[in-house]
Amino acid sequence: MENWRAYISVDPNICHGQAVIAGTRIPVFVIMDNLAAFISPEEIIKSYPTLTLDGIKAAMAYAAELTKERVLEIRA
């Protein structure tokens, strides 16, 4: 998704400045946690009716961008 920036908002007055889906208080990390738990996008939308499939795609694109900038240490 090339225009993910149109769907993601960061405002220090909303959810303590965490990245959220624009126009909502749904943090990107909540969407990613649900996807990582193998919850389908359709089920996530049922839980968060103000969320759209484009919002989920934008969250995934945003998360993908973050992985390009930061590496977490992995211990064996």
PDB file of N, CA and C in Angstrom:
ATOM      1  N   MET A   1       0.858  -1.183   0.000  1.00  0.00           N
ATOM      2  CA  MET A   1       0.000   0.000   0.000  1.00  0.00           C
ATOM      3  C   MET A   1       0.895   1.234   0.000  1.00  0.00           C
ATOM      4  N   GLU A   2       0.808   1.984  -1.062  1.00  0.00           N
ATOM      5  CA  GLU A   2       1.669   3.145  -1.212  1.00  0.00           C
ATOM      6  C   GLU A   2       1.218   4.347  -0.381  1.00  0.00           C
ATOM      7  N   ASN A   3      -0.076   4.470  -0.135  1.00  0.00           N
ATOM      8  CA  ASN A   3      -0.586   5.668   0.555  1.00  0.00           C
ATOM      9  C   ASN A   3      -0.944   5.391   2.013  1.00  0.00           C
ATOM     10  N   TRP A   4      -0.173   4.518   2.679  1.00  0.00           N
ATOM     11  CA  TRP A   4      -0.492   4.176   4.061  1.00  0.00           C
ATOM     12  C   TRP A   4      -0.448   5.383   4.981  1.00  0.00           C
ATOM     13  N   ARG A   5       0.339   6.383   4.648  1.00  0.00           N
ATOM     14  CA  ARG A   5       0.449   7.576   5.503  1.00  0.00           C
ATOM     15  C   ARG A   5      -0.886   8.311   5.657  1.00  0.00           C
ATOM     16  N   ALA A   6      -1.765   8.157   4.695  1.00  0.00           N
ATOM     17  CA  ALA A   6      -3.083   8.795   4.773  1.00  0.00           C
ATOM     18  C   ALA A   6      -3.970   8.129   5.823  1.00  0.00           C
ATOM     19  N   TYR A   7      -3.611   6.923   6.233  1.00  0.00           N
ATOM     20  CA  TYR A   7      -4.431   6.162   7.173  1.00  0.00           C
ATOM     21  C   TYR A   7      -3.862   6.121   8.592  1.00  0.00           C
ATOM     22  N   ILE A   8      -2.614   6.533   8.766  1.00  0.00           N
ATOM     23  CA  ILE A   8      -1.953   6.448  10.068  1.00  0.00           C
ATOM     24  C   ILE A   8      -1.785   7.853  10.634  1.00  0.00           C
ATOM     25  N   SER A   9      -2.076   7.977  11.915  1.00  0.00           N
ATOM     26  CA  SER A   9      -1.963   9.274  12.584  1.00  0.00           C
ATOM     27  C   SER A   9      -1.158   9.107  13.868  1.00  0.00           C
ATOM     28  N   VAL A  10      -0.320  10.085  14.151  1.00  0.00           N
ATOM     29  CA  VAL A  10       0.412  10.130  15.409  1.00  0.00           C
ATOM     30  C   VAL A  10       0.207  11.515  15.997  1.00  0.00           C
ATOM     31  N   ASP A  11      -0.442  11.562  17.148  1.00  0.00           N
ATOM     32  CA  ASP A  11      -0.766  12.825  17.812  1.00  0.00           C
ATOM     33  C   ASP A  11      -0.531  12.617  19.305  1.00  0.00           C
ATOM     34  N   PRO A  12       0.292  13.458  19.921  1.00  0.00           N
ATOM     35  CA  PRO A  12       0.577  13.269  21.343  1.00  0.00           C
ATOM     36  C   PRO A  12      -0.673  13.339  22.234  1.00  0.00           C
ATOM     37  N   ASN A  13      -1.754  13.896  21.721  1.00  0.00           N
ATOM     38  CA  ASN A  13      -2.991  14.007  22.496  1.00  0.00           C
ATOM     39  C   ASN A  13      -3.935  12.816  22.297  1.00  0.00           C
ATOM     40  N   ILE A  14      -3.557  11.883  21.430  1.00  0.00           N
ATOM     41  CA  ILE A  14      -4.403  10.712  21.172  1.00  0.00           C
ATOM     42  C   ILE A  14      -3.581   9.460  21.480  1.00  0.00           C
ATOM     43  N   CYS A  15      -4.083   8.649  22.380  1.00  0.00           N
ATOM     44  CA  CYS A  15      -3.427   7.380  22.757  1.00  0.00           C
ATOM     45  C   CYS A  15      -1.949   7.569  23.098  1.00  0.00           C
ATOM     46  N   HIS A  16      -1.650   8.656  23.796  1.00  0.00           N
ATOM     47  CA  HIS A  16      -0.281   8.934  24.266  1.00  0.00           C
ATOM     48  C   HIS A  16       0.731   9.003  23.131  1.00  0.00           C
ATOM     49  N   GLY A  17       0.282   9.404  21.956  1.00  0.00           N
ATOM     50  CA  GLY A  17       1.195   9.574  20.830  1.00  0.00           C
ATOM     51  C   GLY A  17       1.521   8.303  20.078  1.00  0.00           C
ATOM     52  N   GLN A  18       0.823   7.221  20.385  1.00  0.00           N
ATOM     53  CA  GLN A  18       1.052   5.987  19.633  1.00  0.00           C
ATOM     54  C   GLN A  18       0.423   6.110  18.250  1.00  0.00           C
ATOM     55  N   ALA A  19       0.973   5.385  17.305  1.00  0.00           N
ATOM     56  CA  ALA A  19       0.412   5.377  15.946  1.00  0.00           C
ATOM     57  C   ALA A  19      -0.962   4.715  15.989  1.00  0.00           C
ATOM     58  N   VAL A  20      -1.946   5.397  15.418  1.00  0.00           N
ATOM     59  CA  VAL A  20      -3.319   4.890  15.374  1.00  0.00           C
ATOM     60  C   VAL A  20      -3.839   5.000  13.946  1.00  0.00           C
ATOM     61  N   ILE A  21      -4.953   4.332  13.699  1.00  0.00           N
ATOM     62  CA  ILE A  21      -5.632   4.512  12.426  1.00  0.00           C
ATOM     63  C   ILE A  21      -6.305   5.875  12.484  1.00  0.00           C
ATOM     64  N   ALA A  22      -6.034   6.705  11.506  1.00  0.00           N
ATOM     65  CA  ALA A  22      -6.546   8.077  11.491  1.00  0.00           C
ATOM     66  C   ALA A  22      -8.059   8.099  11.691  1.00  0.00           C
ATOM     67  N   GLY A  23      -8.502   9.020  12.540  1.00  0.00           N
ATOM     68  CA  GLY A  23      -9.920   9.177  12.818  1.00  0.00           C
ATOM     69  C   GLY A  23     -10.449   8.198  13.851  1.00  0.00           C
ATOM     70  N   THR A  24      -9.561   7.371  14.403  1.00  0.00           N
ATOM     71  CA  THR A  24      -9.964   6.409  15.429  1.00  0.00           C
ATOM     72  C   THR A  24      -8.974   6.477  16.591  1.00  0.00           C
ATOM     73  N   ARG A  25      -9.226   5.662  17.588  1.00  0.00           N
ATOM     74  CA  ARG A  25      -8.275   5.479  18.674  1.00  0.00           C
ATOM     75  C   ARG A  25      -7.776   4.035  18.676  1.00  0.00           C
ATOM     76  N   ILE A  26      -7.737   3.443  17.492  1.00  0.00           N
ATOM     77  CA  ILE A  26      -7.285   2.064  17.353  1.00  0.00           C
ATOM     78  C   ILE A  26      -5.787   2.078  17.047  1.00  0.00           C
ATOM     79  N   PRO A  27      -4.971   1.672  18.022  1.00  0.00           N
ATOM     80  CA  PRO A  27      -3.525   1.675  17.791  1.00  0.00           C
ATOM     81  C   PRO A  27      -3.107   0.634  16.758  1.00  0.00           C
ATOM     82  N   VAL A  28      -2.092   0.966  16.008  1.00  0.00           N
ATOM     83  CA  VAL A  28      -1.552   0.047  15.013  1.00  0.00           C
ATOM     84  C   VAL A  28      -1.122  -1.247  15.687  1.00  0.00           C
ATOM     85  N   PHE A  29      -0.535  -1.155  16.886  1.00  0.00           N
ATOM     86  CA  PHE A  29      -0.051  -2.369  17.534  1.00  0.00           C
ATOM     87  C   PHE A  29      -1.184  -3.335  17.849  1.00  0.00           C
ATOM     88  N   VAL A  30      -2.378  -2.839  18.105  1.00  0.00           N
ATOM     89  CA  VAL A  30      -3.524  -3.715  18.372  1.00  0.00           C
ATOM     90  C   VAL A  30      -3.857  -4.520  17.121  1.00  0.00           C
ATOM     91  N   ILE A  31      -3.843  -3.868  15.989  1.00  0.00           N
ATOM     92  CA  ILE A  31      -4.110  -4.559  14.725  1.00  0.00           C
ATOM     93  C   ILE A  31      -3.037  -5.604  14.465  1.00  0.00           C
ATOM     94  N   MET A  32      -1.784  -5.216  14.647  1.00  0.00           N
ATOM     95  CA  MET A  32      -0.687  -6.148  14.387  1.00  0.00           C
ATOM     96  C   MET A  32      -0.706  -7.323  15.362  1.00  0.00           C
ATOM     97  N   ASP A  33      -1.032  -7.073  16.624  1.00  0.00           N
ATOM     98  CA  ASP A  33      -1.142  -8.168  17.595  1.00  0.00           C
ATOM     99  C   ASP A  33      -2.227  -9.150  17.181  1.00  0.00           C
ATOM    100  N   ASN A  34      -3.348  -8.636  16.707  1.00  0.00           N
ATOM    101  CA  ASN A  34      -4.434  -9.498  16.251  1.00  0.00           C
ATOM    102  C   ASN A  34      -4.021 -10.314  15.031  1.00  0.00           C
ATOM    103  N   LEU A  35      -3.377  -9.681  14.081  1.00  0.00           N
ATOM    104  CA  LEU A  35      -2.916 -10.405  12.897  1.00  0.00           C
ATOM    105  C   LEU A  35      -1.883 -11.465  13.272  1.00  0.00           C
ATOM    106  N   ALA A  36      -0.990 -11.137  14.195  1.00  0.00           N
ATOM    107  CA  ALA A  36       0.025 -12.097  14.638  1.00  0.00           C
ATOM    108  C   ALA A  36      -0.607 -13.289  15.351  1.00  0.00           C
ATOM    109  N   ALA A  37      -1.788 -13.083  15.924  1.00  0.00           N
ATOM    110  CA  ALA A  37      -2.523 -14.168  16.583  1.00  0.00           C
ATOM    111  C   ALA A  37      -3.406 -14.921  15.580  1.00  0.00           C
ATOM    112  N   PHE A  38      -3.195 -14.678  14.297  1.00  0.00           N
ATOM    113  CA  PHE A  38      -3.926 -15.335  13.207  1.00  0.00           C
ATOM    114  C   PHE A  38      -5.420 -15.037  13.225  1.00  0.00           C
ATOM    115  N   ILE A  39      -5.773 -13.853  13.716  1.00  0.00           N
ATOM    116  CA  ILE A  39      -7.159 -13.394  13.646  1.00  0.00           C
ATOM    117  C   ILE A  39      -7.335 -12.757  12.271  1.00  0.00           C
ATOM    118  N   SER A  40      -8.364 -13.146  11.574  1.00  0.00           N
ATOM    119  CA  SER A  40      -8.565 -12.659  10.210  1.00  0.00           C
ATOM    120  C   SER A  40      -8.933 -11.179  10.208  1.00  0.00           C
ATOM    121  N   PRO A  41      -8.607 -10.483   9.133  1.00  0.00           N
ATOM    122  CA  PRO A  41      -9.009  -9.074   9.031  1.00  0.00           C
ATOM    123  C   PRO A  41     -10.511  -8.891   9.224  1.00  0.00           C
ATOM    124  N   GLU A  42     -11.311  -9.818   8.732  1.00  0.00           N
ATOM    125  CA  GLU A  42     -12.764  -9.716   8.877  1.00  0.00           C
ATOM    126  C   GLU A  42     -13.173  -9.771  10.355  1.00  0.00           C
ATOM    127  N   GLU A  43     -12.522 -10.639  11.121  1.00  0.00           N
ATOM    128  CA  GLU A  43     -12.818 -10.747  12.548  1.00  0.00           C
ATOM    129  C   GLU A  43     -12.357  -9.492  13.296  1.00  0.00           C
ATOM    130  N   ILE A  44     -11.223  -8.955  12.900  1.00  0.00           N
ATOM    131  CA  ILE A  44     -10.729  -7.725  13.534  1.00  0.00           C
ATOM    132  C   ILE A  44     -11.724  -6.599  13.286  1.00  0.00           C
ATOM    133  N   ILE A  45     -12.218  -6.498  12.072  1.00  0.00           N
ATOM    134  CA  ILE A  45     -13.191  -5.451  11.734  1.00  0.00           C
ATOM    135  C   ILE A  45     -14.479  -5.639  12.538  1.00  0.00           C
ATOM    136  N   LYS A  46     -14.881  -6.884  12.779  1.00  0.00           N
ATOM    137  CA  LYS A  46     -16.072  -7.119  13.614  1.00  0.00           C
ATOM    138  C   LYS A  46     -15.854  -6.588  15.026  1.00  0.00           C
ATOM    139  N   SER A  47     -14.624  -6.730  15.533  1.00  0.00           N
ATOM    140  CA  SER A  47     -14.306  -6.237  16.880  1.00  0.00           C
ATOM    141  C   SER A  47     -14.154  -4.721  16.917  1.00  0.00           C
ATOM    142  N   TYR A  48     -13.747  -4.140  15.806  1.00  0.00           N
ATOM    143  CA  TYR A  48     -13.514  -2.692  15.713  1.00  0.00           C
ATOM    144  C   TYR A  48     -14.262  -2.176  14.484  1.00  0.00           C
ATOM    145  N   PRO A  49     -15.567  -1.947  14.599  1.00  0.00           N
ATOM    146  CA  PRO A  49     -16.391  -1.594  13.424  1.00  0.00           C
ATOM    147  C   PRO A  49     -15.980  -0.320  12.683  1.00  0.00           C
ATOM    148  N   THR A  50     -15.245   0.574  13.341  1.00  0.00           N
ATOM    149  CA  THR A  50     -14.807   1.786  12.641  1.00  0.00           C
ATOM    150  C   THR A  50     -13.574   1.533  11.787  1.00  0.00           C
ATOM    151  N   LEU A  51     -13.008   0.353  11.905  1.00  0.00           N
ATOM    152  CA  LEU A  51     -11.828  -0.023  11.141  1.00  0.00           C
ATOM    153  C   LEU A  51     -12.245  -0.539   9.759  1.00  0.00           C
ATOM    154  N   THR A  52     -11.414  -0.287   8.768  1.00  0.00           N
ATOM    155  CA  THR A  52     -11.671  -0.778   7.409  1.00  0.00           C
ATOM    156  C   THR A  52     -10.531  -1.694   6.976  1.00  0.00           C
ATOM    157  N   LEU A  53     -10.766  -2.427   5.921  1.00  0.00           N
ATOM    158  CA  LEU A  53      -9.715  -3.275   5.379  1.00  0.00           C
ATOM    159  C   LEU A  53      -8.521  -2.423   4.939  1.00  0.00           C
ATOM    160  N   ASP A  54      -8.781  -1.254   4.383  1.00  0.00           N
ATOM    161  CA  ASP A  54      -7.679  -0.356   4.008  1.00  0.00           C
ATOM    162  C   ASP A  54      -6.894   0.085   5.234  1.00  0.00           C
ATOM    163  N   GLY A  55      -7.567   0.278   6.351  1.00  0.00           N
ATOM    164  CA  GLY A  55      -6.875   0.627   7.593  1.00  0.00           C
ATOM    165  C   GLY A  55      -5.952  -0.494   8.044  1.00  0.00           C
ATOM    166  N   ILE A  56      -6.411  -1.733   7.920  1.00  0.00           N
ATOM    167  CA  ILE A  56      -5.581  -2.882   8.276  1.00  0.00           C
ATOM    168  C   ILE A  56      -4.380  -2.975   7.340  1.00  0.00           C
ATOM    169  N   LYS A  57      -4.609  -2.779   6.055  1.00  0.00           N
ATOM    170  CA  LYS A  57      -3.504  -2.809   5.093  1.00  0.00           C
ATOM    171  C   LYS A  57      -2.492  -1.706   5.398  1.00  0.00           C
ATOM    172  N   ALA A  58      -2.991  -0.539   5.778  1.00  0.00           N
ATOM    173  CA  ALA A  58      -2.098   0.576   6.121  1.00  0.00           C
ATOM    174  C   ALA A  58      -1.281   0.241   7.366  1.00  0.00           C
ATOM    175  N   ALA A  59      -1.897  -0.393   8.350  1.00  0.00           N
ATOM    176  CA  ALA A  59      -1.174  -0.790   9.561  1.00  0.00           C
ATOM    177  C   ALA A  59      -0.053  -1.763   9.214  1.00  0.00           C
ATOM    178  N   MET A  60      -0.337  -2.706   8.322  1.00  0.00           N
ATOM    179  CA  MET A  60       0.691  -3.662   7.911  1.00  0.00           C
ATOM    180  C   MET A  60       1.825  -2.954   7.160  1.00  0.00           C
ATOM    181  N   ALA A  61       1.482  -2.020   6.303  1.00  0.00           N
ATOM    182  CA  ALA A  61       2.503  -1.279   5.551  1.00  0.00           C
ATOM    183  C   ALA A  61       3.347  -0.426   6.493  1.00  0.00           C
ATOM    184  N   TYR A  62       2.710   0.197   7.482  1.00  0.00           N
ATOM    185  CA  TYR A  62       3.426   0.995   8.472  1.00  0.00           C
ATOM    186  C   TYR A  62       4.390   0.106   9.256  1.00  0.00           C
ATOM    187  N   ALA A  63       3.914  -1.048   9.701  1.00  0.00           N
ATOM    188  CA  ALA A  63       4.761  -1.977  10.449  1.00  0.00           C
ATOM    189  C   ALA A  63       5.935  -2.451   9.597  1.00  0.00           C
ATOM    190  N   ALA A  64       5.687  -2.684   8.316  1.00  0.00           N
ATOM    191  CA  ALA A  64       6.764  -3.103   7.425  1.00  0.00           C
ATOM    192  C   ALA A  64       7.827  -2.016   7.323  1.00  0.00           C
ATOM    193  N   GLU A  65       7.408  -0.764   7.260  1.00  0.00           N
ATOM    194  CA  GLU A  65       8.362   0.347   7.221  1.00  0.00           C
ATOM    195  C   GLU A  65       9.199   0.387   8.493  1.00  0.00           C
ATOM    196  N   LEU A  66       8.569   0.139   9.638  1.00  0.00           N
ATOM    197  CA  LEU A  66       9.304   0.151  10.907  1.00  0.00           C
ATOM    198  C   LEU A  66      10.399  -0.910  10.931  1.00  0.00           C
ATOM    199  N   THR A  67      10.144  -2.051  10.328  1.00  0.00           N
ATOM    200  CA  THR A  67      11.154  -3.110  10.347  1.00  0.00           C
ATOM    201  C   THR A  67      12.370  -2.748   9.504  1.00  0.00           C
ATOM    202  N   LYS A  68      12.231  -1.799   8.622  1.00  0.00           N
ATOM    203  CA  LYS A  68      13.363  -1.361   7.820  1.00  0.00           C
ATOM    204  C   LYS A  68      14.278  -0.438   8.613  1.00  0.00           C
ATOM    205  N   GLU A  69      13.761   0.140   9.665  1.00  0.00           N
ATOM    206  CA  GLU A  69      14.494   1.136  10.416  1.00  0.00           C
ATOM    207  C   GLU A  69      15.090   0.621  11.721  1.00  0.00           C
ATOM    208  N   ARG A  70      14.584  -0.498  12.214  1.00  0.00           N
ATOM    209  CA  ARG A  70      14.990  -0.937  13.548  1.00  0.00           C
ATOM    210  C   ARG A  70      15.129  -2.455  13.577  1.00  0.00           C
ATOM    211  N   VAL A  71      16.153  -2.895  14.262  1.00  0.00           N
ATOM    212  CA  VAL A  71      16.359  -4.329  14.425  1.00  0.00           C
ATOM    213  C   VAL A  71      16.317  -4.632  15.915  1.00  0.00           C
ATOM    214  N   LEU A  72      15.521  -5.613  16.291  1.00  0.00           N
ATOM    215  CA  LEU A  72      15.468  -6.047  17.684  1.00  0.00           C
ATOM    216  C   LEU A  72      16.459  -7.169  17.905  1.00  0.00           C
ATOM    217  N   GLU A  73      17.107  -7.132  19.040  1.00  0.00           N
ATOM    218  CA  GLU A  73      18.055  -8.199  19.371  1.00  0.00           C
ATOM    219  C   GLU A  73      17.297  -9.498  19.618  1.00  0.00           C
ATOM    220  N   ILE A  74      17.775 -10.557  19.048  1.00  0.00           N
ATOM    221  CA  ILE A  74      17.159 -11.870  19.237  1.00  0.00           C
ATOM    222  C   ILE A  74      18.173 -12.747  19.961  1.00  0.00           C
ATOM    223  N   ARG A  75      17.750 -13.263  21.092  1.00  0.00           N
ATOM    224  CA  ARG A  75      18.652 -14.121  21.869  1.00  0.00           C
ATOM    225  C   ARG A  75      18.245 -15.574  21.689  1.00  0.00           C
ATOM    226  N   ALA A  76      19.230 -16.392  21.510  1.00  0.00           N
ATOM    227  CA  ALA A  76      18.961 -17.827  21.332  1.00  0.00           C
ATOM    228  C   ALA A  76      18.837 -18.535  22.660  1.00  0.00           C
TER     229      ALA A  76
END
